[in-house]
Amino acid sequence: MNKPSKKWQQIRRATLDRVRRQVITPMQPITTLFVATVLLYSAGFVRLSILAETGQTYTWIDALQILGTAVSGLLLLILSGAVMTLGFMSMRLAKVAQGSEGAH
């Protein structure tokens, strides 16, 4: 099998770089939102566990936190698929780019 030409390797690297800039980079806020959602859910879960143990009465703030924890739990279900897909795409793209770097 013939080795790929230098021009082909340059076009391939440019294409992979463009894909990274147009797909992976703009989706990074999803990862940030996922981390923020995990933190909100964890904080709400811990606070509500402590509140349940103490036996205090619930206030409006507690009700809002329960609602926030429930919403963040639903967001975790939705965002986890997007974050996993983004991670797999990023790893695959890096592997393909590394393969094209080693080819020349």
N, C-alpha and C. Protein backbone atom coordinates (compact mmCIF):
# COMPACT_ATOMS: atom_id res chain seq x y z
N MET A 1 0.85 -1.17 0.00
CA MET A 1 0.00 0.00 0.00
C MET A 1 0.90 1.24 0.00
N ASN A 2 0.54 2.20 -0.81
CA ASN A 2 1.32 3.44 -0.89
C ASN A 2 1.07 4.31 0.32
N LYS A 3 2.11 5.07 0.70
CA LYS A 3 1.96 6.01 1.80
C LYS A 3 1.13 7.21 1.33
N PRO A 4 0.34 7.79 2.23
CA PRO A 4 -0.43 8.96 1.84
C PRO A 4 0.51 10.12 1.51
N SER A 5 0.08 10.92 0.56
CA SER A 5 0.91 12.06 0.17
C SER A 5 0.91 13.12 1.27
N LYS A 6 1.88 14.00 1.19
CA LYS A 6 2.01 15.07 2.18
C LYS A 6 0.79 15.99 2.13
N LYS A 7 0.29 16.25 0.92
CA LYS A 7 -0.88 17.11 0.78
C LYS A 7 -2.11 16.46 1.42
N TRP A 8 -2.27 15.16 1.23
CA TRP A 8 -3.39 14.45 1.83
C TRP A 8 -3.32 14.52 3.36
N GLN A 9 -2.13 14.36 3.92
CA GLN A 9 -1.97 14.44 5.37
C GLN A 9 -2.30 15.83 5.88
N GLN A 10 -1.91 16.87 5.16
CA GLN A 10 -2.22 18.23 5.57
C GLN A 10 -3.72 18.48 5.53
N ILE A 11 -4.37 18.00 4.47
CA ILE A 11 -5.83 18.18 4.36
C ILE A 11 -6.53 17.43 5.49
N ARG A 12 -6.06 16.24 5.81
CA ARG A 12 -6.67 15.45 6.87
C ARG A 12 -6.51 16.13 8.22
N ARG A 13 -5.30 16.63 8.52
CA ARG A 13 -5.08 17.34 9.78
C ARG A 13 -5.94 18.60 9.87
N ALA A 14 -6.03 19.33 8.76
CA ALA A 14 -6.86 20.54 8.75
C ALA A 14 -8.32 20.21 8.98
N THR A 15 -8.79 19.12 8.37
CA THR A 15 -10.18 18.71 8.55
C THR A 15 -10.45 18.29 9.99
N LEU A 16 -9.56 17.53 10.58
CA LEU A 16 -9.73 17.10 11.97
C LEU A 16 -9.70 18.29 12.92
N ASP A 17 -8.82 19.25 12.65
CA ASP A 17 -8.76 20.45 13.48
C ASP A 17 -10.05 21.25 13.36
N ARG A 18 -10.58 21.34 12.15
CA ARG A 18 -11.83 22.08 11.95
C ARG A 18 -12.99 21.40 12.66
N VAL A 19 -13.04 20.08 12.59
CA VAL A 19 -14.09 19.35 13.31
C VAL A 19 -14.00 19.62 14.80
N ARG A 20 -12.78 19.61 15.34
CA ARG A 20 -12.60 19.88 16.76
C ARG A 20 -13.08 21.28 17.12
N ARG A 21 -12.75 22.27 16.28
CA ARG A 21 -13.16 23.65 16.56
C ARG A 21 -14.65 23.85 16.42
N GLN A 22 -15.29 23.18 15.47
CA GLN A 22 -16.70 23.41 15.22
C GLN A 22 -17.64 22.51 16.01
N VAL A 23 -17.16 21.39 16.49
CA VAL A 23 -18.06 20.45 17.19
C VAL A 23 -17.70 20.34 18.67
N ILE A 24 -16.47 20.02 18.96
CA ILE A 24 -16.08 19.72 20.34
C ILE A 24 -16.03 20.98 21.18
N THR A 25 -15.35 22.01 20.73
CA THR A 25 -15.16 23.23 21.51
C THR A 25 -16.48 23.92 21.86
N PRO A 26 -17.42 24.10 20.91
CA PRO A 26 -18.68 24.75 21.28
C PRO A 26 -19.52 23.96 22.27
N MET A 27 -19.28 22.66 22.38
CA MET A 27 -20.07 21.85 23.29
C MET A 27 -19.47 21.76 24.69
N GLN A 28 -18.34 22.40 24.94
CA GLN A 28 -17.72 22.36 26.26
C GLN A 28 -18.61 22.95 27.36
N PRO A 29 -19.44 23.98 27.10
CA PRO A 29 -20.35 24.45 28.16
C PRO A 29 -21.29 23.37 28.68
N ILE A 30 -21.59 22.36 27.88
CA ILE A 30 -22.43 21.26 28.35
C ILE A 30 -21.72 20.52 29.48
N THR A 31 -20.42 20.34 29.35
CA THR A 31 -19.65 19.68 30.41
C THR A 31 -19.65 20.53 31.67
N THR A 32 -19.50 21.84 31.51
CA THR A 32 -19.53 22.75 32.66
C THR A 32 -20.89 22.72 33.34
N LEU A 33 -21.96 22.73 32.54
CA LEU A 33 -23.31 22.64 33.09
C LEU A 33 -23.52 21.32 33.81
N PHE A 34 -22.97 20.25 33.28
CA PHE A 34 -23.09 18.94 33.92
C PHE A 34 -22.40 18.94 35.29
N VAL A 35 -21.20 19.51 35.37
CA VAL A 35 -20.48 19.56 36.65
C VAL A 35 -21.26 20.42 37.65
N ALA A 36 -21.80 21.55 37.21
CA ALA A 36 -22.59 22.41 38.10
C ALA A 36 -23.85 21.67 38.58
N THR A 37 -24.46 20.90 37.69
CA THR A 37 -25.65 20.14 38.06
C THR A 37 -25.32 19.06 39.08
N VAL A 38 -24.19 18.39 38.89
CA VAL A 38 -23.77 17.36 39.85
C VAL A 38 -23.54 18.00 41.22
N LEU A 39 -22.88 19.15 41.25
CA LEU A 39 -22.63 19.83 42.53
C LEU A 39 -23.93 20.26 43.20
N LEU A 40 -24.87 20.81 42.42
CA LEU A 40 -26.15 21.23 42.98
C LEU A 40 -26.93 20.04 43.52
N TYR A 41 -26.94 18.95 42.76
CA TYR A 41 -27.65 17.76 43.19
C TYR A 41 -27.03 17.17 44.46
N SER A 42 -25.71 17.10 44.49
CA SER A 42 -25.02 16.56 45.67
C SER A 42 -25.26 17.41 46.90
N ALA A 43 -25.16 18.73 46.74
CA ALA A 43 -25.39 19.63 47.87
C ALA A 43 -26.82 19.51 48.37
N GLY A 44 -27.77 19.46 47.46
CA GLY A 44 -29.18 19.31 47.85
C GLY A 44 -29.44 17.99 48.54
N PHE A 45 -28.84 16.93 48.02
CA PHE A 45 -29.03 15.61 48.61
C PHE A 45 -28.47 15.56 50.03
N VAL A 46 -27.26 16.10 50.22
CA VAL A 46 -26.65 16.09 51.56
C VAL A 46 -27.46 16.96 52.51
N ARG A 47 -27.84 18.16 52.08
CA ARG A 47 -28.60 19.05 52.96
C ARG A 47 -29.95 18.45 53.34
N LEU A 48 -30.63 17.85 52.39
CA LEU A 48 -31.93 17.27 52.69
C LEU A 48 -31.80 16.02 53.55
N SER A 49 -30.71 15.29 53.42
CA SER A 49 -30.48 14.15 54.31
C SER A 49 -30.27 14.61 55.74
N ILE A 50 -29.50 15.68 55.90
CA ILE A 50 -29.28 16.23 57.24
C ILE A 50 -30.58 16.80 57.80
N LEU A 51 -31.35 17.48 56.95
CA LEU A 51 -32.61 18.06 57.39
C LEU A 51 -33.60 16.97 57.82
N ALA A 52 -33.60 15.84 57.14
CA ALA A 52 -34.51 14.74 57.50
C ALA A 52 -34.12 14.11 58.82
N GLU A 53 -32.81 14.06 59.11
CA GLU A 53 -32.35 13.47 60.36
C GLU A 53 -32.67 14.34 61.57
N THR A 54 -32.64 15.67 61.37
CA THR A 54 -32.89 16.56 62.50
C THR A 54 -34.36 16.66 62.86
N GLY A 55 -35.24 16.39 61.90
CA GLY A 55 -36.67 16.41 62.18
C GLY A 55 -37.26 17.80 62.25
N GLN A 56 -36.56 18.80 61.70
CA GLN A 56 -37.09 20.16 61.70
C GLN A 56 -38.23 20.28 60.69
N THR A 57 -39.03 21.32 60.87
CA THR A 57 -40.10 21.56 59.91
C THR A 57 -39.50 22.20 58.65
N TYR A 58 -40.17 21.94 57.54
CA TYR A 58 -39.70 22.46 56.26
C TYR A 58 -40.16 23.90 56.07
N THR A 59 -39.29 24.72 55.48
CA THR A 59 -39.62 26.11 55.16
C THR A 59 -39.74 26.24 53.64
N TRP A 60 -40.05 27.45 53.19
CA TRP A 60 -40.13 27.70 51.75
C TRP A 60 -38.78 27.50 51.09
N ILE A 61 -37.72 27.85 51.77
CA ILE A 61 -36.37 27.67 51.22
C ILE A 61 -36.08 26.18 51.04
N ASP A 62 -36.50 25.39 52.01
CA ASP A 62 -36.33 23.93 51.89
C ASP A 62 -37.13 23.38 50.72
N ALA A 63 -38.34 23.89 50.53
CA ALA A 63 -39.17 23.45 49.41
C ALA A 63 -38.51 23.81 48.08
N LEU A 64 -37.94 25.01 48.00
CA LEU A 64 -37.24 25.41 46.78
C LEU A 64 -36.01 24.54 46.55
N GLN A 65 -35.33 24.19 47.62
CA GLN A 65 -34.16 23.34 47.46
C GLN A 65 -34.56 21.92 47.03
N ILE A 66 -35.66 21.42 47.54
CA ILE A 66 -36.16 20.11 47.10
C ILE A 66 -36.48 20.17 45.60
N LEU A 67 -37.13 21.24 45.18
CA LEU A 67 -37.46 21.40 43.77
C LEU A 67 -36.18 21.51 42.92
N GLY A 68 -35.22 22.28 43.40
CA GLY A 68 -33.94 22.41 42.68
C GLY A 68 -33.19 21.10 42.59
N THR A 69 -33.23 20.33 43.65
CA THR A 69 -32.57 19.02 43.65
C THR A 69 -33.27 18.07 42.68
N ALA A 70 -34.58 18.11 42.64
CA ALA A 70 -35.32 17.25 41.71
C ALA A 70 -35.03 17.64 40.25
N VAL A 71 -35.02 18.94 39.98
CA VAL A 71 -34.73 19.40 38.61
C VAL A 71 -33.31 19.04 38.22
N SER A 72 -32.36 19.21 39.14
CA SER A 72 -30.98 18.87 38.81
C SER A 72 -30.82 17.36 38.62
N GLY A 73 -31.60 16.56 39.32
CA GLY A 73 -31.58 15.12 39.10
C GLY A 73 -32.07 14.75 37.70
N LEU A 74 -33.11 15.43 37.23
CA LEU A 74 -33.59 15.20 35.87
C LEU A 74 -32.56 15.67 34.84
N LEU A 75 -31.93 16.81 35.11
CA LEU A 75 -30.89 17.31 34.20
C LEU A 75 -29.71 16.35 34.13
N LEU A 76 -29.39 15.72 35.25
CA LEU A 76 -28.30 14.74 35.23
C LEU A 76 -28.59 13.61 34.27
N LEU A 77 -29.83 13.15 34.25
CA LEU A 77 -30.20 12.08 33.33
C LEU A 77 -30.06 12.53 31.87
N ILE A 78 -30.47 13.74 31.59
CA ILE A 78 -30.42 14.25 30.22
C ILE A 78 -28.98 14.56 29.80
N LEU A 79 -28.25 15.26 30.67
CA LEU A 79 -26.90 15.71 30.32
C LEU A 79 -25.87 14.60 30.33
N SER A 80 -26.11 13.54 31.09
CA SER A 80 -25.09 12.48 31.16
C SER A 80 -24.88 11.82 29.79
N GLY A 81 -25.93 11.63 29.04
CA GLY A 81 -25.78 11.07 27.70
C GLY A 81 -25.01 12.01 26.78
N ALA A 82 -25.31 13.30 26.87
CA ALA A 82 -24.61 14.27 26.03
C ALA A 82 -23.13 14.36 26.40
N VAL A 83 -22.83 14.34 27.69
CA VAL A 83 -21.44 14.44 28.13
C VAL A 83 -20.67 13.18 27.75
N MET A 84 -21.29 12.02 27.89
CA MET A 84 -20.62 10.78 27.50
C MET A 84 -20.35 10.75 26.00
N THR A 85 -21.34 11.16 25.21
CA THR A 85 -21.15 11.21 23.76
C THR A 85 -20.04 12.19 23.40
N LEU A 86 -20.03 13.34 24.03
CA LEU A 86 -18.98 14.33 23.78
C LEU A 86 -17.61 13.78 24.16
N GLY A 87 -17.53 13.08 25.26
CA GLY A 87 -16.26 12.49 25.69
C GLY A 87 -15.77 11.43 24.71
N PHE A 88 -16.68 10.56 24.27
CA PHE A 88 -16.29 9.53 23.31
C PHE A 88 -15.87 10.14 21.98
N MET A 89 -16.62 11.15 21.53
CA MET A 89 -16.26 11.83 20.28
C MET A 89 -14.89 12.48 20.39
N SER A 90 -14.65 13.12 21.50
CA SER A 90 -13.37 13.80 21.70
C SER A 90 -12.21 12.80 21.73
N MET A 91 -12.39 11.69 22.43
CA MET A 91 -11.34 10.67 22.48
C MET A 91 -11.11 10.06 21.11
N ARG A 92 -12.17 9.78 20.40
CA ARG A 92 -12.05 9.17 19.07
C ARG A 92 -11.36 10.14 18.11
N LEU A 93 -11.74 11.40 18.18
CA LEU A 93 -11.12 12.41 17.32
C LEU A 93 -9.63 12.57 17.65
N ALA A 94 -9.29 12.53 18.93
CA ALA A 94 -7.88 12.62 19.32
C ALA A 94 -7.11 11.42 18.83
N LYS A 95 -7.73 10.24 18.89
CA LYS A 95 -7.06 9.02 18.42
C LYS A 95 -6.83 9.08 16.90
N VAL A 96 -7.83 9.55 16.17
CA VAL A 96 -7.70 9.67 14.72
C VAL A 96 -6.65 10.71 14.37
N ALA A 97 -6.65 11.84 15.09
CA ALA A 97 -5.66 12.89 14.85
C ALA A 97 -4.27 12.40 15.17
N GLN A 98 -4.13 11.63 16.23
CA GLN A 98 -2.81 11.08 16.60
C GLN A 98 -2.34 10.10 15.54
N GLY A 99 -3.25 9.34 14.98
CA GLY A 99 -2.91 8.41 13.91
C GLY A 99 -2.43 9.14 12.66
N SER A 100 -3.04 10.29 12.38
CA SER A 100 -2.60 11.05 11.20
C SER A 100 -1.28 11.77 11.46
N GLU A 101 -1.00 12.10 12.72
CA GLU A 101 0.27 12.74 13.05
C GLU A 101 1.41 11.73 12.89
N GLY A 102 1.16 10.49 13.30
CA GLY A 102 2.20 9.48 13.25
C GLY A 102 2.43 8.95 11.84
N ALA A 103 1.53 9.26 10.92
CA ALA A 103 1.63 8.72 9.57
C ALA A 103 2.70 9.42 8.73
N HIS A 104 3.07 10.63 9.12
CA HIS A 104 4.05 11.32 8.28
C HIS A 104 5.36 11.26 8.94
